[in-house]
């Protein structure tokens, strides 16, 4: 699948995309590219990381559990929530090991700078996950200083959870942008895991993650982020984005999918995710808006990011055989 960047009537750039979309029964509906090759889902794995924590005794609910799964925008309520997770566990903010950063949300960033503030770990978009990791360590009496070490009991529990839900052995372990271990699996495995979350029985740790995530979309991303807009437009949908243009989603009936833009171009991610949702029968005026990536020149619209001519599509039968 190809995404075209069109400016002033000319195709200026293109992005190649992989896509996997499965139906409510788990059957393949649409496949593009090497969906069984190893991939780095980046922050799309956060719901699985949070599940490993809940299974290990993390006692969060509602907004704070959603924040444990978040790549948040650093808005004031995100920062306050991360501090609540830490204080509830009796852990100091200085124990965070994610990088120092400014809020990603522009208005929040300006507010921090106007008040004389600067970069801080609590503003980093993964601080909710890191606060939850520390809280999980505190409840188990595990070391706080080394909570990001792949050999730490917390990270071993998370790895076991990832392997169980994806149905795959972790092929390699890397380091994510926030410093946490990053587990390499396939796009098919990630879709399988997201289906497991939404299809789990009510009250189970898996379903608690899915329910908190869907009930509080602004807490898992931000008030203006496309993932939150998608979840508001399609109640029952769970969407988690990852760095380098990865997306994973699942609906309450088991329809699910994953998207990877091969060159990491984020501007192509949402149009392809919308295409995957439409292939599964979803429709909404909000999808039309999100699919139309407008380009500006001199402050006015001069082009768009759109799905272009498609490369040969892998048939579901061929993909199943692979």
C-alpha atoms as a PDB file:
ATOM      1  CA  UNK A   1       0.000   0.000   0.000  1.00  0.00           C
ATOM      2  CA  UNK A   2       1.287   3.454  -0.917  1.00  0.00           C
ATOM      3  CA  UNK A   3       0.445   6.801   0.693  1.00  0.00           C
ATOM      4  CA  UNK A   4       0.989   9.854  -1.500  1.00  0.00           C
ATOM      5  CA  UNK A   5       1.882  13.347  -0.337  1.00  0.00           C
ATOM      6  CA  UNK A   6       0.373  15.690  -2.914  1.00  0.00           C
ATOM      7  CA  UNK A   7       1.316  19.377  -2.966  1.00  0.00           C
ATOM      8  CA  UNK A   8      -0.016  21.844  -5.526  1.00  0.00           C
ATOM      9  CA  UNK A   9      -1.186  18.992  -7.739  1.00  0.00           C
ATOM     10  CA  UNK A  10       2.125  17.092  -7.745  1.00  0.00           C
ATOM     11  CA  UNK A  11       3.003  13.891  -5.886  1.00  0.00           C
ATOM     12  CA  UNK A  12       5.873  15.187  -3.773  1.00  0.00           C
ATOM     13  CA  UNK A  13       6.587  12.102  -1.646  1.00  0.00           C
ATOM     14  CA  UNK A  14       5.355   8.570  -1.050  1.00  0.00           C
ATOM     15  CA  UNK A  15       5.268   6.241   1.943  1.00  0.00           C
ATOM     16  CA  UNK A  16       4.894   2.464   1.797  1.00  0.00           C
ATOM     17  CA  UNK A  17       2.636   0.875   4.384  1.00  0.00           C
ATOM     18  CA  UNK A  18       1.958  -2.562   5.802  1.00  0.00           C
ATOM     19  CA  UNK A  19      -1.558  -3.326   7.008  1.00  0.00           C
ATOM     20  CA  UNK A  20      -3.338  -6.232   8.659  1.00  0.00           C
ATOM     21  CA  UNK A  21      -7.100  -6.247   9.270  1.00  0.00           C
ATOM     22  CA  UNK A  22      -8.967  -9.196  10.799  1.00  0.00           C
ATOM     23  CA  UNK A  23     -12.686  -9.779  11.232  1.00  0.00           C
ATOM     24  CA  UNK A  24     -14.659 -10.467  14.384  1.00  0.00           C
ATOM     25  CA  UNK A  25     -13.990 -14.203  14.014  1.00  0.00           C
ATOM     26  CA  UNK A  26     -10.255 -13.636  13.599  1.00  0.00           C
ATOM     27  CA  UNK A  27     -10.251 -14.311   9.855  1.00  0.00           C
ATOM     28  CA  UNK A  28      -8.078 -12.179   7.584  1.00  0.00           C
ATOM     29  CA  UNK A  29      -9.964  -9.418   5.792  1.00  0.00           C
ATOM     30  CA  UNK A  30      -7.178  -7.328   4.291  1.00  0.00           C
ATOM     31  CA  UNK A  31      -3.405  -7.727   4.209  1.00  0.00           C
ATOM     32  CA  UNK A  32      -0.661  -5.564   2.700  1.00  0.00           C
ATOM     33  CA  UNK A  33       3.025  -6.243   3.095  1.00  0.00           C
ATOM     34  CA  UNK A  34       5.070  -8.479   5.364  1.00  0.00           C
ATOM     35  CA  UNK A  35       2.786  -8.654   8.401  1.00  0.00           C
ATOM     36  CA  UNK A  36       4.612 -11.709   9.790  1.00  0.00           C
ATOM     37  CA  UNK A  37       8.054 -10.096   9.717  1.00  0.00           C
ATOM     38  CA  UNK A  38       9.560  -8.829  12.967  1.00  0.00           C
ATOM     39  CA  UNK A  39       8.496  -5.320  13.831  1.00  0.00           C
ATOM     40  CA  UNK A  40       9.006  -2.809  16.605  1.00  0.00           C
ATOM     41  CA  UNK A  41       5.508  -1.862  17.841  1.00  0.00           C
ATOM     42  CA  UNK A  42       6.992   0.749  20.184  1.00  0.00           C
ATOM     43  CA  UNK A  43       4.312   2.331  22.394  1.00  0.00           C
ATOM     44  CA  UNK A  44       1.542   0.241  20.853  1.00  0.00           C
ATOM     45  CA  UNK A  45       2.741  -2.371  23.372  1.00  0.00           C
ATOM     46  CA  UNK A  46       1.848  -0.238  26.390  1.00  0.00           C
ATOM     47  CA  UNK A  47      -1.517  -1.936  27.053  1.00  0.00           C
ATOM     48  CA  UNK A  48       0.352  -5.263  27.239  1.00  0.00           C
ATOM     49  CA  UNK A  49       2.992  -3.752  29.520  1.00  0.00           C
ATOM     50  CA  UNK A  50       0.209  -2.424  31.759  1.00  0.00           C
ATOM     51  CA  UNK A  51      -1.441  -5.852  31.745  1.00  0.00           C
ATOM     52  CA  UNK A  52       1.790  -7.388  33.011  1.00  0.00           C
ATOM     53  CA  UNK A  53       1.761  -4.833  35.821  1.00  0.00           C
ATOM     54  CA  UNK A  54      -1.885  -5.457  36.757  1.00  0.00           C
ATOM     55  CA  UNK A  55      -1.227  -9.191  36.841  1.00  0.00           C
ATOM     56  CA  UNK A  56       1.681  -8.416  39.177  1.00  0.00           C
ATOM     57  CA  UNK A  57      -0.485  -6.519  41.660  1.00  0.00           C
ATOM     58  CA  UNK A  58      -0.805  -2.971  40.277  1.00  0.00           C
ATOM     59  CA  UNK A  59      -4.071  -1.702  41.767  1.00  0.00           C
ATOM     60  CA  UNK A  60      -5.112   1.129  39.463  1.00  0.00           C
ATOM     61  CA  UNK A  61      -8.540   1.798  37.978  1.00  0.00           C
ATOM     62  CA  UNK A  62     -10.210   4.259  35.633  1.00  0.00           C
ATOM     63  CA  UNK A  63      -8.210   7.227  34.406  1.00  0.00           C
ATOM     64  CA  UNK A  64      -5.026   6.229  36.204  1.00  0.00           C
ATOM     65  CA  UNK A  65      -5.075   2.740  34.691  1.00  0.00           C
ATOM     66  CA  UNK A  66      -5.591   4.347  31.272  1.00  0.00           C
ATOM     67  CA  UNK A  67      -2.632   6.637  31.991  1.00  0.00           C
ATOM     68  CA  UNK A  68      -0.478   3.576  32.739  1.00  0.00           C
ATOM     69  CA  UNK A  69      -1.100   2.596  29.077  1.00  0.00           C
ATOM     70  CA  UNK A  70      -0.529   6.083  27.705  1.00  0.00           C
ATOM     71  CA  UNK A  71       1.709   7.981  25.372  1.00  0.00           C
ATOM     72  CA  UNK A  72       0.318  11.177  26.806  1.00  0.00           C
ATOM     73  CA  UNK A  73       0.631  14.747  25.589  1.00  0.00           C
ATOM     74  CA  UNK A  74       1.895  16.189  28.870  1.00  0.00           C
ATOM     75  CA  UNK A  75      -1.300  18.095  29.595  1.00  0.00           C
ATOM     76  CA  UNK A  76      -1.812  19.196  33.198  1.00  0.00           C
ATOM     77  CA  UNK A  77      -4.157  16.310  34.042  1.00  0.00           C
ATOM     78  CA  UNK A  78      -1.643  13.793  32.655  1.00  0.00           C
ATOM     79  CA  UNK A  79       1.138  15.168  34.844  1.00  0.00           C
ATOM     80  CA  UNK A  80      -1.114  15.318  37.899  1.00  0.00           C
ATOM     81  CA  UNK A  81      -2.222  11.729  37.248  1.00  0.00           C
ATOM     82  CA  UNK A  82       1.356  10.435  37.019  1.00  0.00           C
ATOM     83  CA  UNK A  83       2.126  12.136  40.326  1.00  0.00           C
ATOM     84  CA  UNK A  84      -0.952  10.510  41.897  1.00  0.00           C
ATOM     85  CA  UNK A  85       0.266   7.077  40.819  1.00  0.00           C
ATOM     86  CA  UNK A  86       3.653   7.737  42.411  1.00  0.00           C
ATOM     87  CA  UNK A  87       2.316   9.235  45.632  1.00  0.00           C
ATOM     88  CA  UNK A  88      -0.230   6.436  46.003  1.00  0.00           C
ATOM     89  CA  UNK A  89       2.647   3.965  45.958  1.00  0.00           C
ATOM     90  CA  UNK A  90       4.838   6.020  48.270  1.00  0.00           C
ATOM     91  CA  UNK A  91       7.439   6.549  45.534  1.00  0.00           C
ATOM     92  CA  UNK A  92       9.283   9.827  44.957  1.00  0.00           C
ATOM     93  CA  UNK A  93       9.211  11.505  41.547  1.00  0.00           C
ATOM     94  CA  UNK A  94      13.007  11.332  41.448  1.00  0.00           C
ATOM     95  CA  UNK A  95      12.740   7.559  41.006  1.00  0.00           C
ATOM     96  CA  UNK A  96      11.479   7.982  37.428  1.00  0.00           C
ATOM     97  CA  UNK A  97      14.045   6.854  34.844  1.00  0.00           C
ATOM     98  CA  UNK A  98      12.359   8.100  31.672  1.00  0.00           C
ATOM     99  CA  UNK A  99      14.153  11.008  29.923  1.00  0.00           C
ATOM    100  CA  UNK A 100      13.527  14.612  30.869  1.00  0.00           C
ATOM    101  CA  UNK A 101      11.265  16.373  28.391  1.00  0.00           C
ATOM    102  CA  UNK A 102       8.786  19.176  27.817  1.00  0.00           C
ATOM    103  CA  UNK A 103       5.099  18.431  27.227  1.00  0.00           C
ATOM    104  CA  UNK A 104       4.255  17.426  23.653  1.00  0.00           C
ATOM    105  CA  UNK A 105       1.032  19.446  23.752  1.00  0.00           C
ATOM    106  CA  UNK A 106       1.878  22.934  22.504  1.00  0.00           C
ATOM    107  CA  UNK A 107      -0.310  24.878  24.947  1.00  0.00           C
ATOM    108  CA  UNK A 108       0.941  22.811  27.890  1.00  0.00           C
ATOM    109  CA  UNK A 109       4.545  23.292  26.793  1.00  0.00           C
ATOM    110  CA  UNK A 110       4.086  27.052  26.589  1.00  0.00           C
ATOM    111  CA  UNK A 111       2.458  27.102  30.034  1.00  0.00           C
ATOM    112  CA  UNK A 112       5.412  25.260  31.564  1.00  0.00           C
ATOM    113  CA  UNK A 113       7.923  27.623  29.963  1.00  0.00           C
ATOM    114  CA  UNK A 114       5.944  30.753  30.912  1.00  0.00           C
ATOM    115  CA  UNK A 115       5.885  29.611  34.520  1.00  0.00           C
ATOM    116  CA  UNK A 116       9.676  29.268  34.515  1.00  0.00           C
ATOM    117  CA  UNK A 117       9.640  25.501  34.304  1.00  0.00           C
ATOM    118  CA  UNK A 118      11.672  23.325  31.980  1.00  0.00           C
ATOM    119  CA  UNK A 119      12.339  19.759  31.011  1.00  0.00           C
ATOM    120  CA  UNK A 120      11.340  17.176  33.612  1.00  0.00           C
ATOM    121  CA  UNK A 121      10.820  13.425  33.646  1.00  0.00           C
ATOM    122  CA  UNK A 122       7.212  13.840  34.780  1.00  0.00           C
ATOM    123  CA  UNK A 123       6.412  15.729  31.538  1.00  0.00           C
ATOM    124  CA  UNK A 124       7.771  12.963  29.300  1.00  0.00           C
ATOM    125  CA  UNK A 125       5.016  11.208  27.346  1.00  0.00           C
ATOM    126  CA  UNK A 126       5.782   7.841  28.993  1.00  0.00           C
ATOM    127  CA  UNK A 127       5.763   9.092  32.582  1.00  0.00           C
ATOM    128  CA  UNK A 128       2.406   7.454  33.320  1.00  0.00           C
ATOM    129  CA  UNK A 129       3.773   4.040  32.320  1.00  0.00           C
ATOM    130  CA  UNK A 130       6.978   4.596  34.269  1.00  0.00           C
ATOM    131  CA  UNK A 131       5.047   5.718  37.356  1.00  0.00           C
ATOM    132  CA  UNK A 132       2.941   2.552  37.099  1.00  0.00           C
ATOM    133  CA  UNK A 133       6.088   0.434  36.733  1.00  0.00           C
ATOM    134  CA  UNK A 134       7.498   1.936  39.912  1.00  0.00           C
ATOM    135  CA  UNK A 135       4.176   1.418  41.715  1.00  0.00           C
ATOM    136  CA  UNK A 136       4.204  -2.253  40.659  1.00  0.00           C
ATOM    137  CA  UNK A 137       7.736  -2.631  42.001  1.00  0.00           C
ATOM    138  CA  UNK A 138       6.751  -0.976  45.281  1.00  0.00           C
ATOM    139  CA  UNK A 139       3.813  -3.330  45.913  1.00  0.00           C
ATOM    140  CA  UNK A 140       6.051  -6.354  45.277  1.00  0.00           C
ATOM    141  CA  UNK A 141       9.121  -5.127  47.135  1.00  0.00           C
ATOM    142  CA  UNK A 142      11.155  -5.227  43.907  1.00  0.00           C
ATOM    143  CA  UNK A 143      14.163  -2.892  43.428  1.00  0.00           C
ATOM    144  CA  UNK A 144      13.212   0.536  42.128  1.00  0.00           C
ATOM    145  CA  UNK A 145      16.613   1.592  40.834  1.00  0.00           C
ATOM    146  CA  UNK A 146      16.837  -1.158  38.193  1.00  0.00           C
ATOM    147  CA  UNK A 147      13.192  -1.402  37.104  1.00  0.00           C
ATOM    148  CA  UNK A 148      14.165  -0.890  33.420  1.00  0.00           C
ATOM    149  CA  UNK A 149      16.644  -3.763  33.342  1.00  0.00           C
ATOM    150  CA  UNK A 150      15.313  -6.590  31.097  1.00  0.00           C
ATOM    151  CA  UNK A 151      16.304  -9.066  33.826  1.00  0.00           C
ATOM    152  CA  UNK A 152      14.258  -7.238  36.496  1.00  0.00           C
ATOM    153  CA  UNK A 153      11.263  -9.244  37.807  1.00  0.00           C
ATOM    154  CA  UNK A 154       8.898  -6.572  36.453  1.00  0.00           C
ATOM    155  CA  UNK A 155      10.271  -6.743  32.930  1.00  0.00           C
ATOM    156  CA  UNK A 156      10.318 -10.545  32.989  1.00  0.00           C
ATOM    157  CA  UNK A 157       6.630 -10.512  33.954  1.00  0.00           C
ATOM    158  CA  UNK A 158       5.866  -8.093  31.117  1.00  0.00           C
ATOM    159  CA  UNK A 159       7.772 -10.204  28.628  1.00  0.00           C
ATOM    160  CA  UNK A 160       5.828 -13.313  29.701  1.00  0.00           C
ATOM    161  CA  UNK A 161       2.583 -11.385  29.189  1.00  0.00           C
ATOM    162  CA  UNK A 162       3.622 -10.203  25.727  1.00  0.00           C
ATOM    163  CA  UNK A 163       4.512 -13.734  24.670  1.00  0.00           C
ATOM    164  CA  UNK A 164       1.256 -15.159  26.024  1.00  0.00           C
ATOM    165  CA  UNK A 165      -1.066 -12.669  24.336  1.00  0.00           C
ATOM    166  CA  UNK A 166       0.770 -12.402  21.021  1.00  0.00           C
ATOM    167  CA  UNK A 167       1.168 -16.169  20.841  1.00  0.00           C
ATOM    168  CA  UNK A 168       4.797 -15.661  19.846  1.00  0.00           C
ATOM    169  CA  UNK A 169       8.195 -15.906  21.443  1.00  0.00           C
ATOM    170  CA  UNK A 170       9.888 -12.516  21.712  1.00  0.00           C
ATOM    171  CA  UNK A 171      12.513 -12.672  18.967  1.00  0.00           C
ATOM    172  CA  UNK A 172      14.652  -9.791  20.214  1.00  0.00           C
ATOM    173  CA  UNK A 173      14.756  -7.210  22.985  1.00  0.00           C
ATOM    174  CA  UNK A 174      15.736  -3.594  22.377  1.00  0.00           C
ATOM    175  CA  UNK A 175      15.442  -0.265  24.182  1.00  0.00           C
ATOM    176  CA  UNK A 176      12.472   2.024  23.601  1.00  0.00           C
ATOM    177  CA  UNK A 177      12.771   5.810  23.480  1.00  0.00           C
ATOM    178  CA  UNK A 178      11.756   6.036  27.134  1.00  0.00           C
ATOM    179  CA  UNK A 179      14.427   3.541  28.180  1.00  0.00           C
ATOM    180  CA  UNK A 180      12.091   0.578  28.814  1.00  0.00           C
ATOM    181  CA  UNK A 181      12.731  -2.817  27.205  1.00  0.00           C
ATOM    182  CA  UNK A 182      11.197  -3.163  23.740  1.00  0.00           C
ATOM    183  CA  UNK A 183      10.034  -6.562  22.526  1.00  0.00           C
ATOM    184  CA  UNK A 184      10.061  -7.471  18.831  1.00  0.00           C
ATOM    185  CA  UNK A 185       7.151  -9.552  17.524  1.00  0.00           C
ATOM    186  CA  UNK A 186       4.991  -9.534  14.375  1.00  0.00           C
ATOM    187  CA  UNK A 187       2.096  -7.321  13.354  1.00  0.00           C
ATOM    188  CA  UNK A 188      -0.108 -10.403  13.368  1.00  0.00           C
ATOM    189  CA  UNK A 189       0.926 -11.114  16.955  1.00  0.00           C
ATOM    190  CA  UNK A 190       0.067  -7.578  18.088  1.00  0.00           C
ATOM    191  CA  UNK A 191      -3.389  -7.811  16.477  1.00  0.00           C
ATOM    192  CA  UNK A 192      -3.912 -11.158  18.239  1.00  0.00           C
ATOM    193  CA  UNK A 193      -2.990  -9.553  21.570  1.00  0.00           C
ATOM    194  CA  UNK A 194      -5.347  -6.596  21.135  1.00  0.00           C
ATOM    195  CA  UNK A 195      -8.191  -8.999  20.287  1.00  0.00           C
ATOM    196  CA  UNK A 196      -7.451 -10.873  23.503  1.00  0.00           C
ATOM    197  CA  UNK A 197      -7.845  -7.664  25.517  1.00  0.00           C
ATOM    198  CA  UNK A 198     -11.237  -6.630  24.123  1.00  0.00           C
ATOM    199  CA  UNK A 199     -12.685 -10.159  24.029  1.00  0.00           C
ATOM    200  CA  UNK A 200     -11.723 -11.065  27.597  1.00  0.00           C
ATOM    201  CA  UNK A 201     -14.407 -11.639  30.208  1.00  0.00           C
ATOM    202  CA  UNK A 202     -15.516  -8.567  32.198  1.00  0.00           C
ATOM    203  CA  UNK A 203     -13.524  -8.077  35.372  1.00  0.00           C
ATOM    204  CA  UNK A 204     -10.431  -9.925  34.165  1.00  0.00           C
ATOM    205  CA  UNK A 205      -7.140  -8.002  34.084  1.00  0.00           C
ATOM    206  CA  UNK A 206      -7.233  -8.043  30.263  1.00  0.00           C
ATOM    207  CA  UNK A 207     -10.724  -6.572  30.119  1.00  0.00           C
ATOM    208  CA  UNK A 208      -9.933  -4.031  32.836  1.00  0.00           C
ATOM    209  CA  UNK A 209      -7.156  -2.690  30.605  1.00  0.00           C
ATOM    210  CA  UNK A 210      -9.410  -2.528  27.541  1.00  0.00           C
ATOM    211  CA  UNK A 211     -12.310  -0.953  29.427  1.00  0.00           C
ATOM    212  CA  UNK A 212     -10.199   1.735  31.110  1.00  0.00           C
ATOM    213  CA  UNK A 213      -8.471   2.504  27.822  1.00  0.00           C
ATOM    214  CA  UNK A 214     -11.739   2.960  25.898  1.00  0.00           C
ATOM    215  CA  UNK A 215     -13.524   4.848  28.663  1.00  0.00           C
ATOM    216  CA  UNK A 216     -10.762   7.464  28.966  1.00  0.00           C
ATOM    217  CA  UNK A 217      -9.229   8.044  25.505  1.00  0.00           C
ATOM    218  CA  UNK A 218      -7.866  11.480  26.403  1.00  0.00           C
ATOM    219  CA  UNK A 219      -5.856   9.888  29.202  1.00  0.00           C
ATOM    220  CA  UNK A 220      -4.201   7.399  26.846  1.00  0.00           C
ATOM    221  CA  UNK A 221      -3.105  10.065  24.338  1.00  0.00           C
ATOM    222  CA  UNK A 222      -4.369  13.650  24.597  1.00  0.00           C
ATOM    223  CA  UNK A 223      -7.426  15.805  24.119  1.00  0.00           C
ATOM    224  CA  UNK A 224      -6.632  16.586  20.470  1.00  0.00           C
ATOM    225  CA  UNK A 225      -4.766  13.466  19.371  1.00  0.00           C
ATOM    226  CA  UNK A 226      -6.151  11.394  16.460  1.00  0.00           C
ATOM    227  CA  UNK A 227      -6.272   8.217  18.560  1.00  0.00           C
ATOM    228  CA  UNK A 228      -8.643   9.877  21.030  1.00  0.00           C
ATOM    229  CA  UNK A 229     -10.738  11.237  18.162  1.00  0.00           C
ATOM    230  CA  UNK A 230     -11.032   7.755  16.661  1.00  0.00           C
ATOM    231  CA  UNK A 231     -12.137   6.238  19.957  1.00  0.00           C
ATOM    232  CA  UNK A 232     -14.707   8.974  20.517  1.00  0.00           C
ATOM    233  CA  UNK A 233     -16.038   8.536  16.972  1.00  0.00           C
ATOM    234  CA  UNK A 234     -16.332   4.736  17.277  1.00  0.00           C
ATOM    235  CA  UNK A 235     -17.390   3.748  20.817  1.00  0.00           C
ATOM    236  CA  UNK A 236     -15.985   0.337  21.683  1.00  0.00           C
ATOM    237  CA  UNK A 237     -12.793   0.901  19.682  1.00  0.00           C
ATOM    238  CA  UNK A 238      -9.351   0.743  21.310  1.00  0.00           C
ATOM    239  CA  UNK A 239      -6.469   2.403  19.419  1.00  0.00           C
ATOM    240  CA  UNK A 240      -2.831   2.740  20.495  1.00  0.00           C
ATOM    241  CA  UNK A 241      -0.173   4.474  18.419  1.00  0.00           C
ATOM    242  CA  UNK A 242       3.550   3.831  18.573  1.00  0.00           C
ATOM    243  CA  UNK A 243       6.630   5.741  17.471  1.00  0.00           C
ATOM    244  CA  UNK A 244       7.946   5.232  13.952  1.00  0.00           C
ATOM    245  CA  UNK A 245       4.359   5.155  12.679  1.00  0.00           C
ATOM    246  CA  UNK A 246       2.845   2.021  14.201  1.00  0.00           C
ATOM    247  CA  UNK A 247      -0.842   1.648  15.072  1.00  0.00           C
ATOM    248  CA  UNK A 248      -2.789  -1.184  16.699  1.00  0.00           C
ATOM    249  CA  UNK A 249      -6.529  -1.311  17.271  1.00  0.00           C
ATOM    250  CA  UNK A 250      -9.336  -3.639  18.284  1.00  0.00           C
ATOM    251  CA  UNK A 251     -13.114  -3.287  18.517  1.00  0.00           C
ATOM    252  CA  UNK A 252     -15.321  -4.854  21.159  1.00  0.00           C
ATOM    253  CA  UNK A 253     -16.536  -7.605  18.786  1.00  0.00           C
ATOM    254  CA  UNK A 254     -12.993  -8.766  17.932  1.00  0.00           C
ATOM    255  CA  UNK A 255     -12.356  -6.844  14.727  1.00  0.00           C
ATOM    256  CA  UNK A 256      -8.749  -5.697  14.914  1.00  0.00           C
ATOM    257  CA  UNK A 257      -5.754  -4.527  12.934  1.00  0.00           C
ATOM    258  CA  UNK A 258      -2.214  -3.245  12.872  1.00  0.00           C
ATOM    259  CA  UNK A 259      -0.491  -0.672  10.666  1.00  0.00           C
ATOM    260  CA  UNK A 260       3.192   0.083  10.081  1.00  0.00           C
ATOM    261  CA  UNK A 261       4.535   2.845   7.827  1.00  0.00           C
ATOM    262  CA  UNK A 262       7.829   1.440   6.612  1.00  0.00           C
ATOM    263  CA  UNK A 263       9.825   4.681   6.698  1.00  0.00           C
ATOM    264  CA  UNK A 264       8.361   5.778  10.055  1.00  0.00           C
ATOM    265  CA  UNK A 265       6.463   8.703   8.501  1.00  0.00           C
ATOM    266  CA  UNK A 266       3.790   9.599  11.047  1.00  0.00           C
ATOM    267  CA  UNK A 267       1.754  11.670   8.595  1.00  0.00           C
ATOM    268  CA  UNK A 268       0.871   8.496   6.693  1.00  0.00           C
ATOM    269  CA  UNK A 269      -0.161   6.491   9.759  1.00  0.00           C
ATOM    270  CA  UNK A 270      -3.691   7.757  10.359  1.00  0.00           C
ATOM    271  CA  UNK A 271      -4.892   7.568   6.708  1.00  0.00           C
ATOM    272  CA  UNK A 272      -3.806   3.914   6.568  1.00  0.00           C
ATOM    273  CA  UNK A 273      -5.433   3.156   9.931  1.00  0.00           C
ATOM    274  CA  UNK A 274      -8.649   4.711   8.644  1.00  0.00           C
ATOM    275  CA  UNK A 275      -8.393   2.530   5.531  1.00  0.00           C
ATOM    276  CA  UNK A 276      -8.038  -0.551   7.741  1.00  0.00           C
ATOM    277  CA  UNK A 277     -11.078   0.471   9.785  1.00  0.00           C
ATOM    278  CA  UNK A 278     -13.112   1.031   6.635  1.00  0.00           C
ATOM    279  CA  UNK A 279     -12.072  -2.385   5.305  1.00  0.00           C
ATOM    280  CA  UNK A 280     -13.668  -3.800   8.461  1.00  0.00           C
ATOM    281  CA  UNK A 281     -16.929  -1.938   7.888  1.00  0.00           C
ATOM    282  CA  UNK A 282     -16.495   1.100  10.130  1.00  0.00           C
ATOM    283  CA  UNK A 283     -17.677   4.492   8.949  1.00  0.00           C
ATOM    284  CA  UNK A 284     -18.028   7.919  10.529  1.00  0.00           C
ATOM    285  CA  UNK A 285     -17.748  11.578   9.455  1.00  0.00           C
ATOM    286  CA  UNK A 286     -14.756  11.762  11.803  1.00  0.00           C
ATOM    287  CA  UNK A 287     -13.033   9.093   9.710  1.00  0.00           C
ATOM    288  CA  UNK A 288     -13.418  11.299   6.640  1.00  0.00           C
ATOM    289  CA  UNK A 289     -11.728  14.179   8.444  1.00  0.00           C
ATOM    290  CA  UNK A 290      -8.904  12.065   9.807  1.00  0.00           C
ATOM    291  CA  UNK A 291      -8.266  10.387   6.457  1.00  0.00           C
ATOM    292  CA  UNK A 292      -7.850  13.751   4.726  1.00  0.00           C
ATOM    293  CA  UNK A 293      -4.405  14.889   5.809  1.00  0.00           C
ATOM    294  CA  UNK A 294      -4.368  18.524   4.687  1.00  0.00           C
ATOM    295  CA  UNK A 295      -1.071  20.156   3.650  1.00  0.00           C
ATOM    296  CA  UNK A 296      -0.612  23.894   4.049  1.00  0.00           C
ATOM    297  CA  UNK A 297       1.400  26.504   2.215  1.00  0.00           C
ATOM    298  CA  UNK A 298       1.428  30.105   3.352  1.00  0.00           C
ATOM    299  CA  UNK A 299      -1.268  29.302   5.853  1.00  0.00           C
ATOM    300  CA  UNK A 300      -3.776  27.902   3.351  1.00  0.00           C
ATOM    301  CA  UNK A 301      -4.531  24.368   2.136  1.00  0.00           C
ATOM    302  CA  UNK A 302      -2.456  23.437  -0.910  1.00  0.00           C
ATOM    303  CA  UNK A 303      -2.457  19.638  -0.876  1.00  0.00           C
ATOM    304  CA  UNK A 304      -3.183  16.434   0.983  1.00  0.00           C
ATOM    305  CA  UNK A 305      -1.852  13.130   2.266  1.00  0.00           C
ATOM    306  CA  UNK A 306      -3.897  10.380   0.599  1.00  0.00           C
ATOM    307  CA  UNK A 307      -3.921   6.716  -0.269  1.00  0.00           C
ATOM    308  CA  UNK A 308      -2.353   6.311  -3.692  1.00  0.00           C
ATOM    309  CA  UNK A 309      -1.988   3.512  -6.157  1.00  0.00           C
ATOM    310  CA  UNK A 310      -1.719   0.253  -4.301  1.00  0.00           C
ATOM    311  CA  UNK A 311       1.062  -2.244  -4.788  1.00  0.00           C
ATOM    312  CA  UNK A 312      -0.011  -5.860  -5.326  1.00  0.00           C
ATOM    313  CA  UNK A 313      -2.077  -6.940  -2.356  1.00  0.00           C
ATOM    314  CA  UNK A 314      -1.367 -10.149  -0.480  1.00  0.00           C
ATOM    315  CA  UNK A 315      -4.540 -12.208  -0.492  1.00  0.00           C
ATOM    316  CA  UNK A 316      -5.805 -13.545   2.848  1.00  0.00           C
ATOM    317  CA  UNK A 317      -5.177 -17.090   1.588  1.00  0.00           C
ATOM    318  CA  UNK A 318      -1.565 -16.286   0.701  1.00  0.00           C
ATOM    319  CA  UNK A 319      -1.018 -14.515   4.003  1.00  0.00           C
ATOM    320  CA  UNK A 320      -2.520 -17.432   5.909  1.00  0.00           C
ATOM    321  CA  UNK A 321      -0.249 -19.825   4.106  1.00  0.00           C
ATOM    322  CA  UNK A 322       2.738 -17.652   4.989  1.00  0.00           C
END
